[in-house]
Amino acid sequence: MTTGTTAGEATGHAMAGGPAEGGATVVLRDLSRSFGATRALDGLNLEMAPGELVALLGPSGCGKTTALRILAGFETADSGQVTVDGRDISHIPAARRDMGMVFQSYSLFPNMSALGNVAFGLRMRKAGAAERNRRAGELLDMVGLAAQARQYPHQLSGGQQQRVALARALAIEPRVLLLDEPLSALDAKVRLQLREQIRAIQQRLGTTTLFVTHDQEEALSMADRVGVMNSGRLEQIAVPSQLYDSPATAFVAEFVGTMNRLPGELSGQEQVTALGVTVPVNGGTDLLGDVDVLVRPEGLRVAAAPGGNGIVTDKTFLGSLTRVSVRLSGDLLVKIDKPSTEAADLTPGTSVQVTLPDAPVLVAARS
């Protein structure tokens, strides 16, 4: 089931501050696609507002790349519809869809300079030499590569090549920009710099953008909304903070961020007992009896206590936070985040008491 905000209700950076006039409304409606016995998409529904950046996040094989390729026109859905600004483009060839695409592999023409690569799409659209060189030069300047305009791909670093690919995709002024894991081949520092640059350019131009990634940090830091996919369907789509703080399903809760599983026992459909504390079940449940309670590291309380229910096994300094690993009775290991100023006495070997705060929790079938 798809949950979360609709495109019209979406809030985020592009909605609040970035221009949206250059973007288009994109709707994927009831898309299904199978490859033999494998069902890659199972009735996918997604609506994107003008100027919005939506990230599709999920494990390998969940259907996120298939959805992007259908929007691009590289794949055809078995059923369903793709519309841009209300126009059905389901049967329009990829070359006529007015979309720019940046791939994981840079796919630059090795016999063309950076300027020539960026100008290529304009040349295909019959723009004059002066106009295409002017436009290509502007975009290379925008991505910080004006000085490399005459260099060839083999003379550029991986990050520089990917910025040329981005400039090339934007040169035709597409209504929709598609990013297919464009940063996964880069090292961590370059990836961070480039994702910030992509986001800034996307906001500046107001281009509706669909970004496919398996990297949670990329999705949560760049997107206005993030859709988490599982087995060809959207489990939830929401602004990043809502996705993290209020996951709609156990799959989303465990896929996004770190999650602890604690054994619990239901009391009816609205309360569960774990670690000796009874708390409300978030949204209720149809499960019965023994379940697992899902709690994020910052959602657990821990304090040094002789004869407590756990022993500290490790702790990792993360700046303002310290992550404390605690082994509970029954050989269950949990991770707990504490302000570093409060974690000084929680050294390995310390006996501690771990408890739940009185706040609603998600539950899942016992694993």
Protein backbone atom coordinates (compact mmCIF):
# COMPACT_ATOMS: atom_id res chain seq x y z
CA MET A 1 0.00 0.00 0.00
CA THR A 2 1.26 3.47 -0.81
CA THR A 3 1.27 5.84 2.13
CA GLY A 4 2.56 9.30 2.93
CA THR A 5 2.00 12.72 1.46
CA THR A 6 0.76 13.25 -2.08
CA ALA A 7 2.66 15.44 -4.49
CA GLY A 8 0.24 18.26 -3.88
CA GLU A 9 0.85 18.05 -0.15
CA ALA A 10 4.62 17.55 -0.42
CA THR A 11 6.82 19.83 1.53
CA GLY A 12 10.54 20.19 1.15
CA HIS A 13 13.36 22.33 -0.12
CA ALA A 14 12.19 22.68 -3.71
CA MET A 15 8.63 23.39 -2.67
CA ALA A 16 9.60 26.01 -0.15
CA GLY A 17 12.48 27.83 -1.75
CA GLY A 18 13.42 26.55 -5.19
CA PRO A 19 11.85 27.60 -8.47
CA ALA A 20 9.39 25.12 -9.90
CA GLU A 21 8.26 26.81 -13.09
CA GLY A 22 10.59 24.74 -15.27
CA GLY A 23 9.38 21.41 -13.94
CA ALA A 24 6.52 19.18 -14.96
CA THR A 25 3.88 17.18 -13.10
CA VAL A 26 4.72 13.49 -13.50
CA VAL A 27 2.30 10.68 -12.73
CA LEU A 28 2.98 6.95 -12.80
CA ARG A 29 -0.37 5.19 -12.53
CA ASP A 30 -0.89 1.48 -11.83
CA LEU A 31 2.38 0.45 -13.49
CA SER A 32 3.02 -3.28 -13.71
CA ARG A 33 5.96 -5.01 -15.36
CA SER A 34 7.09 -8.62 -15.32
CA PHE A 35 10.25 -10.24 -16.63
CA GLY A 36 9.32 -13.88 -17.04
CA ALA A 37 8.17 -15.13 -13.64
CA THR A 38 9.64 -12.08 -11.87
CA ARG A 39 7.19 -9.26 -11.15
CA ALA A 40 9.35 -6.12 -11.13
CA LEU A 41 6.47 -3.65 -10.66
CA ASP A 42 3.15 -4.49 -9.08
CA GLY A 43 0.68 -1.65 -9.54
CA LEU A 44 3.08 1.22 -8.79
CA ASN A 45 1.51 4.63 -8.24
CA LEU A 46 3.59 7.79 -7.90
CA GLU A 47 2.85 11.48 -8.43
CA MET A 48 5.55 14.15 -8.60
CA ALA A 49 4.88 17.88 -8.37
CA PRO A 50 6.62 20.45 -10.61
CA GLY A 51 10.16 21.08 -9.41
CA GLU A 52 10.11 18.24 -6.90
CA LEU A 53 13.00 15.84 -6.36
CA VAL A 54 11.76 12.36 -5.46
CA ALA A 55 14.15 9.55 -4.56
CA LEU A 56 13.22 5.89 -4.96
CA LEU A 57 15.01 3.81 -2.36
CA GLY A 58 15.01 0.08 -1.87
CA PRO A 59 16.96 -3.17 -2.00
CA SER A 60 18.24 -4.68 -5.23
CA GLY A 61 15.41 -6.10 -7.31
CA CYS A 62 12.68 -4.00 -5.70
CA GLY A 63 11.69 -2.34 -9.01
CA LYS A 64 13.07 1.17 -8.57
CA THR A 65 15.26 1.12 -11.69
CA THR A 66 12.46 -0.48 -13.73
CA ALA A 67 10.17 2.39 -12.74
CA LEU A 68 12.76 4.94 -13.84
CA ARG A 69 13.38 3.15 -17.15
CA ILE A 70 9.66 3.05 -17.89
CA LEU A 71 9.43 6.79 -17.22
CA ALA A 72 12.44 7.34 -19.50
CA GLY A 73 10.92 5.21 -22.27
CA PHE A 74 13.64 2.54 -22.19
CA GLU A 75 11.16 -0.07 -20.92
CA THR A 76 7.46 -0.54 -21.65
CA ALA A 77 5.02 -1.33 -18.86
CA ASP A 78 2.77 -4.37 -19.21
CA SER A 79 -0.05 -2.19 -17.92
CA GLY A 80 -0.53 1.27 -16.49
CA GLN A 81 0.10 4.80 -17.65
CA VAL A 82 2.81 7.47 -17.60
CA THR A 83 1.69 11.09 -17.89
CA VAL A 84 3.66 14.35 -17.93
CA ASP A 85 1.60 17.50 -17.41
CA GLY A 86 -1.52 15.44 -18.05
CA ARG A 87 -0.32 14.06 -21.39
CA ASP A 88 -0.07 10.30 -21.76
CA ILE A 89 3.46 9.52 -22.98
CA SER A 90 3.32 5.76 -22.42
CA HIS A 91 3.84 5.01 -26.12
CA ILE A 92 6.12 7.91 -27.03
CA PRO A 93 9.73 6.89 -27.84
CA ALA A 94 12.43 7.80 -25.34
CA ALA A 95 14.07 10.30 -27.72
CA ARG A 96 10.86 12.37 -27.85
CA ARG A 97 10.07 12.50 -24.12
CA ASP A 98 11.97 15.72 -23.28
CA MET A 99 13.86 14.08 -20.43
CA GLY A 100 17.51 14.26 -19.40
CA MET A 101 19.17 11.20 -17.93
CA VAL A 102 22.36 10.67 -15.95
CA PHE A 103 23.54 7.07 -15.64
CA GLN A 104 25.74 5.32 -13.08
CA SER A 105 28.33 4.87 -15.83
CA TYR A 106 29.21 8.27 -17.21
CA SER A 107 28.52 7.28 -20.87
CA LEU A 108 30.50 10.20 -22.28
CA PHE A 109 31.68 10.19 -25.89
CA PRO A 110 35.44 9.56 -25.63
CA ASN A 111 36.20 11.37 -28.90
CA MET A 112 34.50 14.59 -27.78
CA SER A 113 35.71 17.26 -25.37
CA ALA A 114 33.70 18.16 -22.30
CA LEU A 115 32.21 21.04 -24.28
CA GLY A 116 31.35 18.74 -27.19
CA ASN A 117 29.71 16.21 -24.91
CA VAL A 118 27.53 18.84 -23.28
CA ALA A 119 26.61 20.37 -26.64
CA PHE A 120 25.73 17.03 -28.24
CA GLY A 121 22.02 17.08 -27.42
CA LEU A 122 21.71 20.63 -28.70
CA ARG A 123 23.40 19.61 -31.94
CA MET A 124 20.85 16.81 -32.35
CA ARG A 125 18.15 19.46 -31.92
CA LYS A 126 19.68 21.50 -34.75
CA ALA A 127 20.86 24.39 -32.57
CA GLY A 128 23.45 26.59 -34.27
CA ALA A 129 27.13 26.21 -33.35
CA ALA A 130 27.32 29.54 -31.54
CA GLU A 131 24.17 28.87 -29.52
CA ARG A 132 25.12 25.34 -28.49
CA ASN A 133 28.66 26.36 -27.52
CA ARG A 134 27.29 29.26 -25.47
CA ARG A 135 24.78 27.03 -23.69
CA ALA A 136 27.31 24.24 -23.14
CA GLY A 137 29.80 26.74 -21.74
CA GLU A 138 27.21 28.11 -19.32
CA LEU A 139 26.41 24.64 -18.00
CA LEU A 140 30.04 23.67 -17.62
CA ASP A 141 30.49 26.85 -15.62
CA MET A 142 27.44 25.94 -13.54
CA VAL A 143 28.98 22.58 -12.61
CA GLY A 144 32.39 24.17 -11.98
CA LEU A 145 34.19 22.83 -15.06
CA ALA A 146 34.62 25.89 -17.27
CA ALA A 147 38.40 25.42 -17.16
CA GLN A 148 38.07 21.80 -18.39
CA ALA A 149 35.88 22.60 -21.41
CA ARG A 150 38.52 21.48 -23.94
CA GLN A 151 39.59 18.36 -22.07
CA TYR A 152 38.53 14.86 -23.12
CA PRO A 153 36.91 12.29 -20.79
CA HIS A 154 40.15 10.37 -20.21
CA GLN A 155 41.72 13.60 -18.92
CA LEU A 156 38.98 14.08 -16.30
CA SER A 157 38.46 12.46 -12.90
CA GLY A 158 35.41 10.32 -12.21
CA GLY A 159 33.67 13.16 -10.40
CA GLN A 160 34.42 15.57 -13.22
CA GLN A 161 33.10 13.11 -15.80
CA GLN A 162 29.87 12.74 -13.86
CA ARG A 163 29.48 16.52 -13.71
CA VAL A 164 29.92 16.66 -17.49
CA ALA A 165 27.20 13.98 -17.79
CA LEU A 166 24.93 16.09 -15.59
CA ALA A 167 25.58 19.22 -17.65
CA ARG A 168 24.87 17.25 -20.84
CA ALA A 169 21.54 16.06 -19.45
CA LEU A 170 20.57 19.62 -18.48
CA ALA A 171 21.69 21.25 -21.74
CA ILE A 172 18.45 20.40 -23.54
CA GLU A 173 16.49 22.03 -20.68
CA PRO A 174 14.43 18.90 -19.95
CA ARG A 175 11.15 19.12 -18.10
CA VAL A 176 12.16 15.95 -16.22
CA LEU A 177 15.61 14.83 -15.02
CA LEU A 178 16.28 11.15 -14.32
CA LEU A 179 19.22 10.07 -12.16
CA ASP A 180 20.04 6.34 -12.15
CA GLU A 181 22.39 5.81 -9.18
CA PRO A 182 24.73 8.46 -10.64
CA LEU A 183 27.07 8.63 -7.64
CA SER A 184 27.59 5.00 -6.71
CA ALA A 185 30.86 4.63 -8.67
CA LEU A 186 32.52 7.58 -6.89
CA ASP A 187 34.48 7.69 -3.65
CA ALA A 188 32.79 8.97 -0.51
CA LYS A 189 34.21 12.51 -0.49
CA VAL A 190 33.43 13.15 -4.17
CA ARG A 191 29.99 11.60 -3.73
CA LEU A 192 29.18 14.03 -0.91
CA GLN A 193 30.37 17.06 -2.90
CA LEU A 194 28.52 16.03 -6.04
CA ARG A 195 25.23 15.27 -4.36
CA GLU A 196 25.25 18.74 -2.81
CA GLN A 197 25.98 20.24 -6.21
CA ILE A 198 23.27 18.22 -7.96
CA ARG A 199 20.74 19.30 -5.34
CA ALA A 200 21.71 22.96 -5.61
CA ILE A 201 21.47 22.92 -9.42
CA GLN A 202 18.16 21.06 -9.35
CA GLN A 203 16.70 23.62 -6.96
CA ARG A 204 18.06 26.50 -9.02
CA LEU A 205 16.55 25.20 -12.27
CA GLY A 206 13.33 23.83 -10.74
CA THR A 207 13.54 20.62 -12.77
CA THR A 208 11.27 17.77 -11.71
CA THR A 209 13.70 14.98 -10.82
CA LEU A 210 13.43 11.26 -10.13
CA PHE A 211 16.51 9.89 -8.38
CA VAL A 212 17.08 6.15 -7.98
CA THR A 213 19.54 5.08 -5.30
CA HIS A 214 20.28 2.31 -2.84
CA ASP A 215 22.09 4.78 -0.55
CA GLN A 216 19.85 5.89 2.33
CA GLU A 217 21.99 8.89 3.20
CA GLU A 218 21.82 10.19 -0.37
CA ALA A 219 18.07 9.76 -0.53
CA LEU A 220 17.32 11.33 2.85
CA SER A 221 19.69 14.28 2.37
CA MET A 222 18.79 15.18 -1.22
CA ALA A 223 15.12 14.46 -1.78
CA ASP A 224 11.94 16.40 -1.06
CA ARG A 225 10.22 13.04 -0.66
CA VAL A 226 11.57 9.50 -0.50
CA GLY A 227 9.68 6.45 -1.71
CA VAL A 228 10.71 3.11 -0.20
CA MET A 229 10.05 0.23 -2.57
CA ASN A 230 9.68 -3.45 -1.81
CA SER A 231 8.77 -6.21 -4.26
CA GLY A 232 7.58 -3.81 -6.94
CA ARG A 233 5.39 -1.67 -4.71
CA LEU A 234 5.75 1.54 -2.73
CA GLU A 235 5.67 0.72 0.96
CA GLN A 236 5.67 4.42 1.87
CA ILE A 237 6.45 7.79 0.32
CA ALA A 238 6.99 10.78 2.57
CA VAL A 239 9.32 13.62 3.44
CA PRO A 240 12.58 12.24 4.91
CA SER A 241 11.85 13.20 8.51
CA GLN A 242 8.44 11.52 8.42
CA LEU A 243 9.88 8.41 6.82
CA TYR A 244 12.43 8.09 9.62
CA ASP A 245 10.28 9.17 12.57
CA SER A 246 6.96 7.61 11.52
CA PRO A 247 7.57 4.59 9.27
CA ALA A 248 4.31 3.13 8.02
CA THR A 249 5.44 -0.50 7.96
CA ALA A 250 7.98 -2.75 9.62
CA PHE A 251 9.85 -3.03 6.31
CA VAL A 252 10.30 0.76 6.06
CA ALA A 253 11.25 0.98 9.74
CA GLU A 254 14.05 -1.56 9.33
CA PHE A 255 15.21 -0.48 5.89
CA VAL A 256 15.61 3.21 6.73
CA GLY A 257 18.15 3.84 9.46
CA THR A 258 19.05 1.46 12.29
CA MET A 259 16.36 -0.45 14.17
CA ASN A 260 16.40 -2.70 17.24
CA ARG A 261 14.08 -5.72 17.55
CA LEU A 262 12.98 -6.55 21.08
CA PRO A 263 10.77 -9.48 22.09
CA GLY A 264 7.36 -8.30 23.21
CA GLU A 265 3.92 -9.61 24.12
CA LEU A 266 0.73 -7.99 22.92
CA SER A 267 -2.11 -7.07 25.26
CA GLY A 268 -4.96 -6.85 22.79
CA GLN A 269 -4.34 -4.87 19.62
CA GLU A 270 -3.21 -1.57 21.11
CA GLN A 271 -0.62 -2.33 23.80
CA VAL A 272 2.58 -4.33 23.98
CA THR A 273 4.93 -5.21 26.84
CA ALA A 274 8.69 -5.30 26.33
CA LEU A 275 11.61 -4.85 28.76
CA GLY A 276 9.05 -4.89 31.58
CA VAL A 277 7.24 -1.80 30.28
CA THR A 278 3.80 -1.67 28.61
CA VAL A 279 3.48 0.93 25.84
CA PRO A 280 0.97 1.74 23.08
CA VAL A 281 1.22 0.10 19.66
CA ASN A 282 1.58 2.72 16.94
CA GLY A 283 -1.56 2.46 14.79
CA GLY A 284 -2.69 -0.79 16.39
CA THR A 285 -2.02 -4.23 14.96
CA ASP A 286 -3.75 -7.36 13.69
CA LEU A 287 -1.03 -9.55 15.18
CA LEU A 288 -1.58 -11.69 18.27
CA GLY A 289 0.60 -12.90 21.11
CA ASP A 290 4.39 -12.78 20.81
CA VAL A 291 5.81 -10.07 18.54
CA ASP A 292 8.95 -8.05 18.00
CA VAL A 293 8.95 -4.42 19.11
CA LEU A 294 10.83 -2.08 16.75
CA VAL A 295 12.75 0.76 18.41
CA ARG A 296 15.43 3.06 17.02
CA PRO A 297 18.72 3.50 18.94
CA GLU A 298 17.67 6.93 20.19
CA GLY A 299 14.34 5.47 21.36
CA LEU A 300 15.83 3.36 24.14
CA ARG A 301 16.89 4.54 27.58
CA VAL A 302 20.00 3.21 29.28
CA ALA A 303 21.62 3.94 32.64
CA ALA A 304 24.31 2.31 34.72
CA ALA A 305 22.64 0.00 37.26
CA PRO A 306 24.16 -2.82 39.33
CA GLY A 307 22.19 -5.99 38.58
CA GLY A 308 20.56 -4.40 35.53
CA ASN A 309 19.16 -6.27 32.54
CA GLY A 310 22.18 -5.75 30.27
CA ILE A 311 25.94 -5.42 29.98
CA VAL A 312 27.72 -2.82 27.82
CA THR A 313 29.82 -4.63 25.22
CA ASP A 314 31.09 -1.73 23.13
CA LYS A 315 30.64 1.96 22.44
CA THR A 316 31.43 4.08 19.42
CA PHE A 317 32.04 7.82 19.56
CA LEU A 318 30.07 9.61 16.80
CA GLY A 319 30.69 13.23 17.73
CA SER A 320 27.82 14.68 19.70
CA LEU A 321 26.35 11.16 20.02
CA THR A 322 27.85 7.92 21.26
CA ARG A 323 26.40 4.57 20.16
CA VAL A 324 26.39 2.07 23.01
CA SER A 325 26.06 -1.65 22.35
CA VAL A 326 24.36 -3.59 25.13
CA ARG A 327 23.85 -7.34 25.45
CA LEU A 328 20.52 -8.05 27.14
CA SER A 329 19.29 -11.18 28.84
CA GLY A 330 18.76 -13.89 26.28
CA ASP A 331 21.92 -12.88 24.39
CA LEU A 332 20.10 -10.09 22.51
CA LEU A 333 22.36 -7.24 21.32
CA VAL A 334 20.84 -3.74 21.06
CA LYS A 335 22.29 -0.40 20.00
CA ILE A 336 21.47 2.76 21.94
CA ASP A 337 22.38 6.35 21.05
CA LYS A 338 23.19 8.71 23.92
CA PRO A 339 24.55 12.27 24.01
CA SER A 340 28.31 11.82 24.33
CA THR A 341 28.33 13.97 27.47
CA GLU A 342 26.04 11.39 29.15
CA ALA A 343 27.80 8.25 27.94
CA ALA A 344 31.19 8.65 29.65
CA ASP A 345 30.39 6.14 32.43
CA LEU A 346 28.98 3.50 30.06
CA THR A 347 32.25 1.66 29.51
CA PRO A 348 32.38 -1.95 28.26
CA GLY A 349 31.55 -4.36 31.09
CA THR A 350 29.25 -1.90 32.89
CA SER A 351 25.94 -3.32 34.14
CA VAL A 352 23.04 -1.23 32.85
CA GLN A 353 19.27 -1.06 32.83
CA VAL A 354 17.67 -0.68 29.41
CA THR A 355 14.04 0.47 29.23
CA LEU A 356 11.45 1.73 26.79
CA PRO A 357 10.06 5.27 27.07
CA ASP A 358 6.29 5.58 27.29
CA ALA A 359 5.78 6.25 23.59
CA PRO A 360 4.00 4.35 20.80
CA VAL A 361 6.08 1.69 19.05
CA LEU A 362 5.80 -0.37 15.88
CA VAL A 363 5.47 -4.11 16.16
CA ALA A 364 6.24 -6.88 13.67
CA ALA A 365 5.80 -10.63 13.53
CA ARG A 366 8.36 -12.41 15.68
CA SER A 367 11.44 -13.16 13.58
